[in-house]
Amino acid sequence: MGDLFAAIGLLLDLGSSLARFVQVFIFVYTLLLLGYIITSWIRLPYSPWLNRVQRFLFDVCDPYLRIFRRFIPPLGPLDLSPMVALIVLFVLSNVLVSLLERL
């Protein structure tokens, strides 16, 4: 009987740990997306270090944003895909966390 309670306790702990991991992962990815958006608006001076940071942000964020750019055309110089991508990320975070906390 004690083993059963221990197994249930581990499963409950696993669900909350996974929920916390998803929250932190999506929060960090959101920060990366915001950094990518800001660096795309501002013309930065050439620096090898800044160039590496910009390239990293592009490599990490652009594949996710390309999903939304296929369906959302730019409105002149305004690209709404990052805003939609962030909204989808927040909704996905809330859904995944609520599902994982129910485990």
C-alpha atoms as a PDB file:
ATOM      1  CA  MET A   1       0.000   0.000   0.000  1.00  0.00           C
ATOM      2  CA  GLY A   2       2.867   2.353   0.802  1.00  0.00           C
ATOM      3  CA  ASP A   3       4.399   1.677  -2.617  1.00  0.00           C
ATOM      4  CA  LEU A   4       1.169   2.734  -4.284  1.00  0.00           C
ATOM      5  CA  PHE A   5       1.130   6.059  -2.447  1.00  0.00           C
ATOM      6  CA  ALA A   6       4.794   6.592  -3.262  1.00  0.00           C
ATOM      7  CA  ALA A   7       4.120   5.946  -6.972  1.00  0.00           C
ATOM      8  CA  ILE A   8       1.161   8.354  -6.962  1.00  0.00           C
ATOM      9  CA  GLY A   9       3.294  10.962  -5.211  1.00  0.00           C
ATOM     10  CA  LEU A  10       6.005  10.581  -7.849  1.00  0.00           C
ATOM     11  CA  LEU A  11       3.470  10.951 -10.661  1.00  0.00           C
ATOM     12  CA  LEU A  12       2.024  14.082  -9.092  1.00  0.00           C
ATOM     13  CA  ASP A  13       5.508  15.488  -8.664  1.00  0.00           C
ATOM     14  CA  LEU A  14       6.323  14.607 -12.281  1.00  0.00           C
ATOM     15  CA  GLY A  15       3.266  16.488 -13.532  1.00  0.00           C
ATOM     16  CA  SER A  16       4.094  19.630 -11.590  1.00  0.00           C
ATOM     17  CA  SER A  17       7.766  19.408 -12.586  1.00  0.00           C
ATOM     18  CA  LEU A  18       6.844  19.079 -16.256  1.00  0.00           C
ATOM     19  CA  ALA A  19       4.404  21.972 -15.956  1.00  0.00           C
ATOM     20  CA  ARG A  20       7.114  24.149 -14.401  1.00  0.00           C
ATOM     21  CA  PHE A  21       9.590  23.123 -17.127  1.00  0.00           C
ATOM     22  CA  VAL A  22       7.097  24.084 -19.854  1.00  0.00           C
ATOM     23  CA  GLN A  23       6.472  27.444 -18.157  1.00  0.00           C
ATOM     24  CA  VAL A  24      10.172  28.247 -17.903  1.00  0.00           C
ATOM     25  CA  PHE A  25      10.930  27.024 -21.433  1.00  0.00           C
ATOM     26  CA  ILE A  26       8.174  29.125 -22.978  1.00  0.00           C
ATOM     27  CA  PHE A  27       9.175  32.144 -20.869  1.00  0.00           C
ATOM     28  CA  VAL A  28      12.787  31.903 -22.086  1.00  0.00           C
ATOM     29  CA  TYR A  29      11.650  31.423 -25.690  1.00  0.00           C
ATOM     30  CA  THR A  30       9.376  34.454 -25.337  1.00  0.00           C
ATOM     31  CA  LEU A  31      12.352  36.513 -24.158  1.00  0.00           C
ATOM     32  CA  LEU A  32      14.349  35.292 -27.154  1.00  0.00           C
ATOM     33  CA  LEU A  33      11.493  36.259 -29.477  1.00  0.00           C
ATOM     34  CA  LEU A  34      11.293  39.714 -27.931  1.00  0.00           C
ATOM     35  CA  GLY A  35      15.052  40.102 -28.329  1.00  0.00           C
ATOM     36  CA  TYR A  36      14.764  39.060 -31.965  1.00  0.00           C
ATOM     37  CA  ILE A  37      11.938  41.545 -32.553  1.00  0.00           C
ATOM     38  CA  ILE A  38      13.846  44.410 -30.941  1.00  0.00           C
ATOM     39  CA  THR A  39      17.076  43.670 -32.817  1.00  0.00           C
ATOM     40  CA  SER A  40      15.141  43.543 -36.081  1.00  0.00           C
ATOM     41  CA  TRP A  41      13.774  47.053 -35.431  1.00  0.00           C
ATOM     42  CA  ILE A  42      17.024  48.677 -34.368  1.00  0.00           C
ATOM     43  CA  ARG A  43      20.042  48.994 -36.596  1.00  0.00           C
ATOM     44  CA  LEU A  44      22.943  47.863 -34.459  1.00  0.00           C
ATOM     45  CA  PRO A  45      26.522  48.937 -35.133  1.00  0.00           C
ATOM     46  CA  TYR A  46      28.751  46.249 -36.569  1.00  0.00           C
ATOM     47  CA  SER A  47      30.437  44.216 -33.915  1.00  0.00           C
ATOM     48  CA  PRO A  48      31.412  40.547 -34.146  1.00  0.00           C
ATOM     49  CA  TRP A  49      29.812  39.933 -30.744  1.00  0.00           C
ATOM     50  CA  LEU A  50      26.522  41.657 -31.670  1.00  0.00           C
ATOM     51  CA  ASN A  51      26.519  39.885 -35.011  1.00  0.00           C
ATOM     52  CA  ARG A  52      26.774  36.501 -33.248  1.00  0.00           C
ATOM     53  CA  VAL A  53      23.923  37.404 -30.900  1.00  0.00           C
ATOM     54  CA  GLN A  54      21.747  38.534 -33.805  1.00  0.00           C
ATOM     55  CA  ARG A  55      22.574  35.388 -35.759  1.00  0.00           C
ATOM     56  CA  PHE A  56      21.725  33.202 -32.747  1.00  0.00           C
ATOM     57  CA  LEU A  57      18.377  34.967 -32.295  1.00  0.00           C
ATOM     58  CA  PHE A  58      17.646  34.563 -36.003  1.00  0.00           C
ATOM     59  CA  ASP A  59      18.533  30.852 -35.983  1.00  0.00           C
ATOM     60  CA  VAL A  60      16.396  30.183 -32.914  1.00  0.00           C
ATOM     61  CA  CYS A  61      13.353  32.358 -33.641  1.00  0.00           C
ATOM     62  CA  ASP A  62      12.972  32.485 -37.412  1.00  0.00           C
ATOM     63  CA  PRO A  63      11.842  28.857 -37.941  1.00  0.00           C
ATOM     64  CA  TYR A  64       8.954  29.398 -35.507  1.00  0.00           C
ATOM     65  CA  LEU A  65       8.044  32.755 -37.043  1.00  0.00           C
ATOM     66  CA  ARG A  66       8.125  31.331 -40.581  1.00  0.00           C
ATOM     67  CA  ILE A  67       5.133  29.168 -39.651  1.00  0.00           C
ATOM     68  CA  PHE A  68       3.062  32.301 -39.116  1.00  0.00           C
ATOM     69  CA  ARG A  69       4.559  34.271 -41.996  1.00  0.00           C
ATOM     70  CA  ARG A  70       3.140  31.669 -44.403  1.00  0.00           C
ATOM     71  CA  PHE A  71      -0.396  32.565 -43.343  1.00  0.00           C
ATOM     72  CA  ILE A  72      -0.127  36.220 -42.303  1.00  0.00           C
ATOM     73  CA  PRO A  73       1.037  38.547 -45.060  1.00  0.00           C
ATOM     74  CA  PRO A  74       2.932  41.681 -44.007  1.00  0.00           C
ATOM     75  CA  LEU A  75       0.926  44.896 -44.021  1.00  0.00           C
ATOM     76  CA  GLY A  76       3.422  47.136 -45.775  1.00  0.00           C
ATOM     77  CA  PRO A  77       6.446  47.447 -43.514  1.00  0.00           C
ATOM     78  CA  LEU A  78       4.497  46.003 -40.560  1.00  0.00           C
ATOM     79  CA  ASP A  79       4.928  42.288 -39.855  1.00  0.00           C
ATOM     80  CA  LEU A  80       2.237  40.978 -37.507  1.00  0.00           C
ATOM     81  CA  SER A  81       3.544  37.413 -37.381  1.00  0.00           C
ATOM     82  CA  PRO A  82       5.676  37.941 -34.218  1.00  0.00           C
ATOM     83  CA  MET A  83       2.662  39.267 -32.331  1.00  0.00           C
ATOM     84  CA  VAL A  84       0.507  36.325 -33.409  1.00  0.00           C
ATOM     85  CA  ALA A  85       3.361  33.929 -32.609  1.00  0.00           C
ATOM     86  CA  LEU A  86       3.621  35.347 -29.076  1.00  0.00           C
ATOM     87  CA  ILE A  87      -0.130  35.063 -28.540  1.00  0.00           C
ATOM     88  CA  VAL A  88      -0.092  31.447 -29.726  1.00  0.00           C
ATOM     89  CA  LEU A  89       2.860  30.766 -27.435  1.00  0.00           C
ATOM     90  CA  PHE A  90       0.993  32.172 -24.415  1.00  0.00           C
ATOM     91  CA  VAL A  91      -2.152  30.170 -25.230  1.00  0.00           C
ATOM     92  CA  LEU A  92      -0.091  27.013 -25.764  1.00  0.00           C
ATOM     93  CA  SER A  93       1.666  27.596 -22.461  1.00  0.00           C
ATOM     94  CA  ASN A  94      -1.607  27.950 -20.571  1.00  0.00           C
ATOM     95  CA  VAL A  95      -3.116  24.848 -22.193  1.00  0.00           C
ATOM     96  CA  LEU A  96      -0.044  22.672 -21.648  1.00  0.00           C
ATOM     97  CA  VAL A  97       0.440  23.789 -18.041  1.00  0.00           C
ATOM     98  CA  SER A  98      -3.207  23.190 -17.160  1.00  0.00           C
ATOM     99  CA  LEU A  99      -3.067  19.720 -18.762  1.00  0.00           C
ATOM    100  CA  LEU A 100       0.169  18.811 -17.012  1.00  0.00           C
ATOM    101  CA  GLU A 101      -1.058  20.023 -13.631  1.00  0.00           C
ATOM    102  CA  ARG A 102      -4.075  17.728 -13.934  1.00  0.00           C
ATOM    103  CA  LEU A 103      -1.806  14.673 -14.120  1.00  0.00           C
END
